[in-house]
């Protein structure tokens, strides 16, 4: 394993550095928009633009890499993300921000595709699970670090734009200096909604809800927290706690989903998220209670995606990549729709709109899962071991060791009811 990590050190270092800058800008941009006087509903729409660009990048990124190769494509994606971030710091025109956020989403999807396809090429099958888990931990840890840079209160919001761009540009150095040959180009994303929904009716909805909630939190969570408390630092700290919630429970939840019907795990995650989003009804969201609410929502929404993938994989029947790609699309569509719905609800003047919408999303997913459990209350005879999976691109699914096993084992057990 040490030899494998030594081989992949350039890639993992690039991931860590770039995602510090990416995590910083995901929170910085909403806070800057708030400073410009834009309403929460308007800020939410910029989040939808980002996720729409990300969705398009997942579909078009592989073609770019096939055309010019990994290193050149990586440079293009980082250059686009850096340009968009610096331009957002220079201009305060809303329409331009929509374009820039869209471009950032497209660029980050391309970055993830490049890195993950390179990781796929450089990892032995026996090491895939460990490398994927490490990659997930590095990604989340780097994004938490980005929040800490904001809450350190050393730089103003305006000064943080070149700081974020600095991290993005520095991420090109390990890749540019690597002596490793470029890997084979990634395949185009292919999926069938019929196949995906047939594998896991619970998983498709839960994946969409995970994207819906996290899309809302990334788009407006920092603004929500800073408006409640009047502190930019609290907004960044709130988002750091949200990510920490997902990071802390990822593996315990995964092990539970290996021991029990995954649909029950998804249901209880929905209950946990519902309680966290409704905490404001019990206690004002100030200080400690604000962070508790954020932690619970992150702890529910972030692992829900990986558990949904795991449940669908129990029924994959050799079509794991199609299913994983479909789950990714469902998650991305949810991330686009969340801020859009929030904008409409906020314009209607609903108090605590962010928490109310997240609570409704969690409640809807819980009810749907309960209905499926009632329709098929069976004990499973076969399941694939849980594996944490980042919500990035279809290339992360290729890295998942479970799809390698399915490629070599024809029908490992009876499919589960879903």
Protein backbone atom coordinates (compact mmCIF):
# COMPACT_ATOMS: atom_id res chain seq x y z
CA UNK A 1 0.00 0.00 0.00
CA UNK A 2 2.88 2.36 0.77
CA UNK A 3 4.23 1.87 -2.75
CA UNK A 4 0.80 2.64 -4.21
CA UNK A 5 0.48 5.87 -2.23
CA UNK A 6 4.00 6.87 -3.23
CA UNK A 7 3.03 6.43 -6.87
CA UNK A 8 -0.15 8.49 -6.43
CA UNK A 9 1.31 11.22 -4.23
CA UNK A 10 1.26 13.86 -6.98
CA UNK A 11 -2.42 13.28 -7.70
CA UNK A 12 -3.49 13.25 -4.06
CA UNK A 13 -1.45 16.38 -3.33
CA UNK A 14 -3.14 18.18 -6.23
CA UNK A 15 -6.52 17.10 -4.89
CA UNK A 16 -5.74 18.39 -1.40
CA UNK A 17 -4.43 21.78 -2.56
CA UNK A 18 -7.15 22.45 -5.13
CA UNK A 19 -9.99 21.45 -2.83
CA UNK A 20 -8.79 23.83 -0.14
CA UNK A 21 -9.30 26.59 -2.71
CA UNK A 22 -12.54 25.05 -3.95
CA UNK A 23 -13.97 24.66 -0.45
CA UNK A 24 -12.99 28.25 0.26
CA UNK A 25 -14.70 29.64 -2.85
CA UNK A 26 -17.88 27.59 -2.36
CA UNK A 27 -18.49 29.49 0.88
CA UNK A 28 -16.75 32.74 -0.09
CA UNK A 29 -18.95 33.49 -3.09
CA UNK A 30 -22.30 33.34 -1.24
CA UNK A 31 -20.85 35.47 1.57
CA UNK A 32 -19.53 38.02 -0.93
CA UNK A 33 -22.92 38.10 -2.67
CA UNK A 34 -24.50 38.78 0.72
CA UNK A 35 -22.03 41.65 1.26
CA UNK A 36 -23.09 43.05 -2.12
CA UNK A 37 -26.65 43.22 -0.81
CA UNK A 38 -28.16 40.44 -2.90
CA UNK A 39 -31.12 38.59 -1.43
CA UNK A 40 -30.89 34.98 -0.29
CA UNK A 41 -33.17 33.84 -3.11
CA UNK A 42 -30.94 35.50 -5.71
CA UNK A 43 -27.83 34.00 -4.11
CA UNK A 44 -29.47 30.59 -4.24
CA UNK A 45 -29.88 30.87 -8.01
CA UNK A 46 -26.13 31.27 -8.41
CA UNK A 47 -25.81 27.92 -6.64
CA UNK A 48 -28.16 26.34 -9.18
CA UNK A 49 -25.99 27.77 -11.97
CA UNK A 50 -22.93 26.12 -10.40
CA UNK A 51 -24.56 22.69 -10.18
CA UNK A 52 -25.99 22.97 -13.67
CA UNK A 53 -22.45 23.59 -14.94
CA UNK A 54 -21.21 20.66 -12.87
CA UNK A 55 -23.84 18.41 -14.42
CA UNK A 56 -22.78 19.45 -17.91
CA UNK A 57 -19.13 18.98 -16.99
CA UNK A 58 -19.78 15.39 -15.92
CA UNK A 59 -21.19 14.71 -19.39
CA UNK A 60 -18.60 16.62 -21.47
CA UNK A 61 -15.41 16.34 -19.40
CA UNK A 62 -14.38 12.91 -20.71
CA UNK A 63 -14.56 14.20 -24.30
CA UNK A 64 -12.20 17.06 -23.46
CA UNK A 65 -9.70 14.65 -21.89
CA UNK A 66 -9.89 12.30 -24.89
CA UNK A 67 -9.16 15.23 -27.18
CA UNK A 68 -6.11 16.80 -25.50
CA UNK A 69 -4.95 14.37 -22.79
CA UNK A 70 -5.09 14.49 -19.00
CA UNK A 71 -2.41 17.09 -18.22
CA UNK A 72 -3.58 19.63 -20.80
CA UNK A 73 -7.23 19.11 -19.89
CA UNK A 74 -6.37 19.52 -16.20
CA UNK A 75 -4.65 22.82 -16.99
CA UNK A 76 -7.70 24.02 -18.93
CA UNK A 77 -10.08 23.16 -16.11
CA UNK A 78 -7.96 24.81 -13.42
CA UNK A 79 -7.44 27.90 -15.62
CA UNK A 80 -11.21 28.18 -16.13
CA UNK A 81 -11.94 27.82 -12.40
CA UNK A 82 -9.24 30.37 -11.49
CA UNK A 83 -10.44 32.86 -14.10
CA UNK A 84 -14.03 32.54 -12.94
CA UNK A 85 -13.09 33.07 -9.29
CA UNK A 86 -10.93 36.14 -9.97
CA UNK A 87 -13.56 37.62 -12.31
CA UNK A 88 -16.23 37.19 -9.63
CA UNK A 89 -14.01 39.22 -7.29
CA UNK A 90 -13.69 42.01 -9.86
CA UNK A 91 -17.30 42.34 -11.01
CA UNK A 92 -20.55 42.58 -9.10
CA UNK A 93 -22.98 42.06 -11.99
CA UNK A 94 -25.48 39.34 -11.21
CA UNK A 95 -25.84 37.99 -14.76
CA UNK A 96 -22.06 37.71 -15.02
CA UNK A 97 -21.97 35.82 -11.73
CA UNK A 98 -24.46 33.30 -13.10
CA UNK A 99 -22.17 32.69 -16.07
CA UNK A 100 -19.08 32.50 -13.86
CA UNK A 101 -20.70 30.08 -11.43
CA UNK A 102 -21.78 27.88 -14.33
CA UNK A 103 -18.22 27.93 -15.68
CA UNK A 104 -16.84 27.04 -12.24
CA UNK A 105 -19.15 24.04 -11.99
CA UNK A 106 -18.11 22.84 -15.44
CA UNK A 107 -14.42 23.27 -14.59
CA UNK A 108 -14.63 21.42 -11.26
CA UNK A 109 -16.45 18.48 -12.85
CA UNK A 110 -13.65 18.31 -15.41
CA UNK A 111 -11.03 18.45 -12.65
CA UNK A 112 -12.64 15.57 -10.78
CA UNK A 113 -12.94 13.52 -13.97
CA UNK A 114 -9.25 14.03 -14.76
CA UNK A 115 -8.01 13.13 -11.28
CA UNK A 116 -10.31 10.17 -10.79
CA UNK A 117 -9.61 8.61 -14.17
CA UNK A 118 -5.88 8.95 -13.40
CA UNK A 119 -6.37 7.31 -10.02
CA UNK A 120 -8.29 4.49 -11.68
CA UNK A 121 -5.39 3.82 -14.01
CA UNK A 122 -2.78 3.76 -11.24
CA UNK A 123 -4.44 1.56 -8.61
CA UNK A 124 -4.40 -2.21 -8.37
CA UNK A 125 -7.79 -3.84 -7.90
CA UNK A 126 -6.86 -5.05 -4.42
CA UNK A 127 -6.10 -1.49 -3.29
CA UNK A 128 -9.09 0.30 -4.82
CA UNK A 129 -11.23 0.37 -1.68
CA UNK A 130 -8.48 1.84 0.47
CA UNK A 131 -7.47 4.45 -2.11
CA UNK A 132 -11.11 5.47 -2.66
CA UNK A 133 -11.64 5.87 1.10
CA UNK A 134 -8.42 7.91 1.38
CA UNK A 135 -9.44 10.05 -1.58
CA UNK A 136 -12.83 10.72 0.05
CA UNK A 137 -11.21 11.66 3.37
CA UNK A 138 -8.69 13.98 1.70
CA UNK A 139 -11.46 15.66 -0.30
CA UNK A 140 -13.65 16.36 2.73
CA UNK A 141 -10.70 17.32 4.93
CA UNK A 142 -9.40 19.81 2.35
CA UNK A 143 -12.83 21.40 2.02
CA UNK A 144 -13.05 21.79 5.81
CA UNK A 145 -9.64 23.49 5.69
CA UNK A 146 -11.03 25.94 3.15
CA UNK A 147 -13.71 26.94 5.66
CA UNK A 148 -11.07 27.43 8.35
CA UNK A 149 -9.19 29.88 6.09
CA UNK A 150 -12.33 32.05 5.95
CA UNK A 151 -13.15 31.90 9.65
CA UNK A 152 -9.56 32.72 10.63
CA UNK A 153 -10.59 36.35 10.05
CA UNK A 154 -7.13 37.26 8.75
CA UNK A 155 -8.29 38.38 5.29
CA UNK A 156 -11.31 40.36 4.11
CA UNK A 157 -13.73 38.72 1.70
CA UNK A 158 -12.23 40.72 -1.16
CA UNK A 159 -8.71 39.55 -0.26
CA UNK A 160 -9.88 35.93 -0.15
CA UNK A 161 -10.58 35.86 -3.90
CA UNK A 162 -6.87 35.90 -4.88
CA UNK A 163 -6.18 33.57 -1.93
CA UNK A 164 -8.60 31.00 -3.33
CA UNK A 165 -7.16 31.46 -6.83
CA UNK A 166 -3.69 30.87 -5.38
CA UNK A 167 -4.68 27.43 -4.12
CA UNK A 168 -6.30 26.56 -7.45
CA UNK A 169 -3.19 27.49 -9.44
CA UNK A 170 -0.80 25.76 -7.03
CA UNK A 171 -2.71 22.51 -7.59
CA UNK A 172 -1.33 22.34 -11.14
CA UNK A 173 2.28 22.02 -9.95
CA UNK A 174 2.27 18.38 -8.71
CA UNK A 175 0.46 17.24 -11.88
CA UNK A 176 2.66 19.25 -14.23
CA UNK A 177 5.85 17.93 -12.63
CA UNK A 178 4.85 14.27 -12.41
CA UNK A 179 6.97 11.80 -14.36
CA UNK A 180 4.14 9.28 -14.61
CA UNK A 181 2.74 8.66 -18.11
CA UNK A 182 -0.79 9.81 -18.80
CA UNK A 183 -3.41 7.07 -18.39
CA UNK A 184 -6.00 5.83 -20.85
CA UNK A 185 -8.79 8.29 -21.52
CA UNK A 186 -12.08 7.90 -19.62
CA UNK A 187 -15.21 6.54 -21.24
CA UNK A 188 -18.28 8.65 -21.89
CA UNK A 189 -20.97 8.66 -19.21
CA UNK A 190 -23.77 6.22 -20.04
CA UNK A 191 -26.80 5.43 -17.95
CA UNK A 192 -30.42 4.35 -18.22
CA UNK A 193 -33.04 5.74 -15.86
CA UNK A 194 -34.99 2.50 -16.22
CA UNK A 195 -31.97 0.46 -15.14
CA UNK A 196 -31.18 2.80 -12.27
CA UNK A 197 -34.72 2.97 -10.92
CA UNK A 198 -35.12 -0.76 -11.33
CA UNK A 199 -32.02 -1.39 -9.20
CA UNK A 200 -33.04 0.84 -6.29
CA UNK A 201 -36.24 2.85 -6.16
CA UNK A 202 -35.25 4.01 -2.70
CA UNK A 203 -31.69 4.85 -3.76
CA UNK A 204 -32.62 7.12 -6.67
CA UNK A 205 -34.86 9.28 -4.48
CA UNK A 206 -32.41 9.29 -1.57
CA UNK A 207 -29.54 10.26 -3.88
CA UNK A 208 -31.59 13.15 -5.22
CA UNK A 209 -32.47 14.29 -1.69
CA UNK A 210 -28.81 14.17 -0.67
CA UNK A 211 -27.96 16.43 -3.61
CA UNK A 212 -30.96 18.66 -2.89
CA UNK A 213 -29.94 19.27 0.72
CA UNK A 214 -26.20 19.65 0.11
CA UNK A 215 -26.85 21.89 -2.89
CA UNK A 216 -28.90 24.13 -0.60
CA UNK A 217 -26.30 24.15 2.15
CA UNK A 218 -23.39 24.92 -0.18
CA UNK A 219 -25.37 27.62 -1.97
CA UNK A 220 -26.95 29.40 0.99
CA UNK A 221 -25.85 27.72 4.25
CA UNK A 222 -23.06 30.18 5.06
CA UNK A 223 -25.31 33.15 4.26
CA UNK A 224 -28.08 31.70 6.44
CA UNK A 225 -25.75 31.27 9.42
CA UNK A 226 -24.07 34.65 9.02
CA UNK A 227 -27.41 36.46 8.81
CA UNK A 228 -28.63 34.75 11.97
CA UNK A 229 -25.52 35.75 13.92
CA UNK A 230 -24.19 38.79 12.05
CA UNK A 231 -20.80 37.11 11.66
CA UNK A 232 -19.07 35.97 8.46
CA UNK A 233 -16.81 33.71 10.51
CA UNK A 234 -19.82 31.87 11.92
CA UNK A 235 -21.06 31.24 8.38
CA UNK A 236 -17.78 29.55 7.45
CA UNK A 237 -17.68 27.67 10.74
CA UNK A 238 -21.23 26.43 10.16
CA UNK A 239 -20.25 24.94 6.79
CA UNK A 240 -17.16 23.34 8.33
CA UNK A 241 -19.40 21.66 10.91
CA UNK A 242 -21.76 20.45 8.16
CA UNK A 243 -18.85 18.74 6.37
CA UNK A 244 -17.51 17.36 9.64
CA UNK A 245 -20.91 15.79 10.29
CA UNK A 246 -20.71 13.88 7.03
CA UNK A 247 -17.06 12.97 7.60
CA UNK A 248 -17.52 11.65 11.15
CA UNK A 249 -20.49 9.37 10.46
CA UNK A 250 -19.43 8.12 7.01
CA UNK A 251 -17.78 4.88 8.14
CA UNK A 252 -20.06 4.02 11.13
CA UNK A 253 -23.13 4.45 8.93
CA UNK A 254 -21.49 2.35 6.24
CA UNK A 255 -20.80 -0.50 8.65
CA UNK A 256 -24.39 -0.38 9.91
CA UNK A 257 -25.64 -0.56 6.32
CA UNK A 258 -23.57 -3.74 5.87
CA UNK A 259 -25.25 -5.30 8.91
CA UNK A 260 -28.88 -4.26 8.31
CA UNK A 261 -31.23 -3.58 5.42
CA UNK A 262 -29.81 -0.41 3.83
CA UNK A 263 -33.30 0.97 3.34
CA UNK A 264 -33.69 1.17 7.11
CA UNK A 265 -30.40 3.06 7.33
CA UNK A 266 -31.59 5.51 4.67
CA UNK A 267 -34.88 5.90 6.53
CA UNK A 268 -33.17 6.71 9.83
CA UNK A 269 -30.80 9.12 8.09
CA UNK A 270 -33.90 10.90 6.81
CA UNK A 271 -35.28 11.03 10.36
CA UNK A 272 -31.96 12.38 11.65
CA UNK A 273 -31.91 15.10 8.98
CA UNK A 274 -35.57 15.96 9.67
CA UNK A 275 -34.83 16.42 13.37
CA UNK A 276 -31.76 18.54 12.61
CA UNK A 277 -33.64 20.78 10.18
CA UNK A 278 -36.48 21.25 12.70
CA UNK A 279 -34.25 22.01 15.66
CA UNK A 280 -35.15 25.70 15.32
CA UNK A 281 -38.68 24.85 16.49
CA UNK A 282 -37.29 23.61 19.81
CA UNK A 283 -34.46 26.07 20.41
CA UNK A 284 -33.35 29.28 18.64
CA UNK A 285 -30.49 28.56 16.23
CA UNK A 286 -27.82 30.55 18.00
CA UNK A 287 -24.35 29.48 19.07
CA UNK A 288 -24.13 25.80 19.94
CA UNK A 289 -27.59 24.90 18.60
CA UNK A 290 -26.84 26.34 15.16
CA UNK A 291 -23.83 24.05 14.87
CA UNK A 292 -25.82 21.06 16.14
CA UNK A 293 -28.40 21.63 13.40
CA UNK A 294 -25.68 21.89 10.75
CA UNK A 295 -23.89 18.79 12.03
CA UNK A 296 -27.08 16.70 11.99
CA UNK A 297 -28.06 17.83 8.49
CA UNK A 298 -24.58 17.08 7.13
CA UNK A 299 -24.44 13.75 8.98
CA UNK A 300 -27.75 12.77 7.35
CA UNK A 301 -27.33 14.09 3.81
CA UNK A 302 -23.71 13.28 2.99
CA UNK A 303 -23.60 9.52 3.77
CA UNK A 304 -27.09 9.06 2.30
CA UNK A 305 -25.56 9.19 -1.19
CA UNK A 306 -23.00 6.44 -0.51
CA UNK A 307 -25.59 4.20 1.16
CA UNK A 308 -27.90 4.72 -1.83
CA UNK A 309 -25.10 3.64 -4.18
CA UNK A 310 -24.46 0.61 -1.98
CA UNK A 311 -28.13 -0.42 -2.02
CA UNK A 312 -28.33 -0.05 -5.79
CA UNK A 313 -25.14 -2.06 -6.15
CA UNK A 314 -26.78 -4.92 -4.27
CA UNK A 315 -29.09 -5.16 -7.29
CA UNK A 316 -26.67 -4.08 -10.02
CA UNK A 317 -26.61 -7.39 -11.94
CA UNK A 318 -23.37 -6.42 -13.67
CA UNK A 319 -24.51 -2.88 -14.54
CA UNK A 320 -22.76 -1.06 -11.71
CA UNK A 321 -21.27 1.78 -13.75
CA UNK A 322 -24.59 2.62 -15.40
CA UNK A 323 -26.30 2.63 -12.02
CA UNK A 324 -23.60 4.70 -10.33
CA UNK A 325 -23.71 7.23 -13.19
CA UNK A 326 -27.50 7.44 -12.89
CA UNK A 327 -27.24 8.01 -9.14
CA UNK A 328 -24.75 10.80 -9.79
CA UNK A 329 -27.17 12.41 -12.25
CA UNK A 330 -30.02 12.15 -9.73
CA UNK A 331 -27.81 13.77 -7.11
CA UNK A 332 -26.76 16.58 -9.45
CA UNK A 333 -30.35 17.24 -10.53
CA UNK A 334 -31.33 17.50 -6.86
CA UNK A 335 -28.49 19.97 -6.29
CA UNK A 336 -29.78 22.12 -9.17
CA UNK A 337 -33.41 22.03 -8.01
CA UNK A 338 -32.74 22.78 -4.33
CA UNK A 339 -31.56 26.39 -4.72
CA UNK A 340 -34.22 27.00 -7.42
CA UNK A 341 -37.02 25.94 -5.07
CA UNK A 342 -35.47 27.92 -2.25
CA UNK A 343 -35.47 31.07 -4.36
CA UNK A 344 -39.21 30.73 -5.00
CA UNK A 345 -40.07 29.94 -1.38
CA UNK A 346 -37.89 32.75 -0.04
CA UNK A 347 -39.58 35.24 -2.34
CA UNK A 348 -42.89 34.15 -0.80
CA UNK A 349 -41.57 35.27 2.59
CA UNK A 350 -41.57 31.92 4.42
CA UNK A 351 -39.62 32.23 7.72
CA UNK A 352 -36.75 29.79 8.27
CA UNK A 353 -37.10 28.86 4.60
CA UNK A 354 -33.80 26.96 4.41
CA UNK A 355 -34.57 24.69 7.34
CA UNK A 356 -38.20 24.19 6.33
CA UNK A 357 -37.29 23.11 2.78
CA UNK A 358 -34.58 20.72 4.02
CA UNK A 359 -37.01 19.27 6.57
CA UNK A 360 -39.61 18.67 3.86
CA UNK A 361 -37.01 17.00 1.64
CA UNK A 362 -35.90 14.67 4.43
CA UNK A 363 -39.52 13.94 5.34
CA UNK A 364 -40.39 13.11 1.73
CA UNK A 365 -37.47 10.71 1.45
CA UNK A 366 -38.36 9.07 4.77
CA UNK A 367 -41.99 8.52 3.76
CA UNK A 368 -40.98 7.10 0.37
CA UNK A 369 -38.50 4.71 1.99
CA UNK A 370 -41.09 3.60 4.54
CA UNK A 371 -43.55 2.85 1.73
CA UNK A 372 -40.96 0.74 -0.09
CA UNK A 373 -40.13 -1.12 3.13
CA UNK A 374 -43.82 -1.86 3.60
CA UNK A 375 -44.16 -3.05 0.01
CA UNK A 376 -41.11 -5.34 0.30
CA UNK A 377 -40.47 -6.19 3.99
CA UNK A 378 -37.88 -8.86 3.25
CA UNK A 379 -34.55 -9.93 4.67
CA UNK A 380 -31.76 -9.58 2.15
CA UNK A 381 -29.88 -12.68 1.07
CA UNK A 382 -26.95 -10.90 -0.60
CA UNK A 383 -25.25 -7.53 -0.35
CA UNK A 384 -22.07 -5.87 -1.52
CA UNK A 385 -19.83 -4.34 1.20
CA UNK A 386 -20.28 -0.61 1.77
CA UNK A 387 -17.74 1.74 0.24
CA UNK A 388 -17.66 5.53 0.78
CA UNK A 389 -18.09 7.26 -2.57
CA UNK A 390 -17.55 11.01 -3.15
CA UNK A 391 -20.26 12.92 -5.01
CA UNK A 392 -18.03 13.94 -7.86
CA UNK A 393 -18.09 12.20 -11.26
CA UNK A 394 -18.73 8.79 -12.78
CA UNK A 395 -14.97 8.14 -12.73
CA UNK A 396 -15.14 7.76 -8.94
CA UNK A 397 -17.52 4.86 -9.52
CA UNK A 398 -14.91 3.20 -11.76
CA UNK A 399 -12.50 3.36 -8.82
CA UNK A 400 -15.02 1.55 -6.60
CA UNK A 401 -13.77 -2.03 -6.06
CA UNK A 402 -17.32 -3.39 -6.12
CA UNK A 403 -17.66 -2.82 -9.85
CA UNK A 404 -14.42 -4.74 -10.42
CA UNK A 405 -15.84 -7.66 -8.49
CA UNK A 406 -19.03 -7.56 -10.55
CA UNK A 407 -17.04 -7.62 -13.75
CA UNK A 408 -15.39 -10.88 -12.70
CA UNK A 409 -18.30 -12.55 -10.90
CA UNK A 410 -21.38 -13.32 -12.95
CA UNK A 411 -24.38 -12.95 -10.67
CA UNK A 412 -23.04 -13.08 -7.12
CA UNK A 413 -26.31 -13.97 -5.38
CA UNK A 414 -29.95 -13.10 -5.71
CA UNK A 415 -30.92 -9.48 -6.37
CA UNK A 416 -32.70 -7.63 -3.59
CA UNK A 417 -36.20 -6.16 -3.63
CA UNK A 418 -36.02 -2.39 -3.68
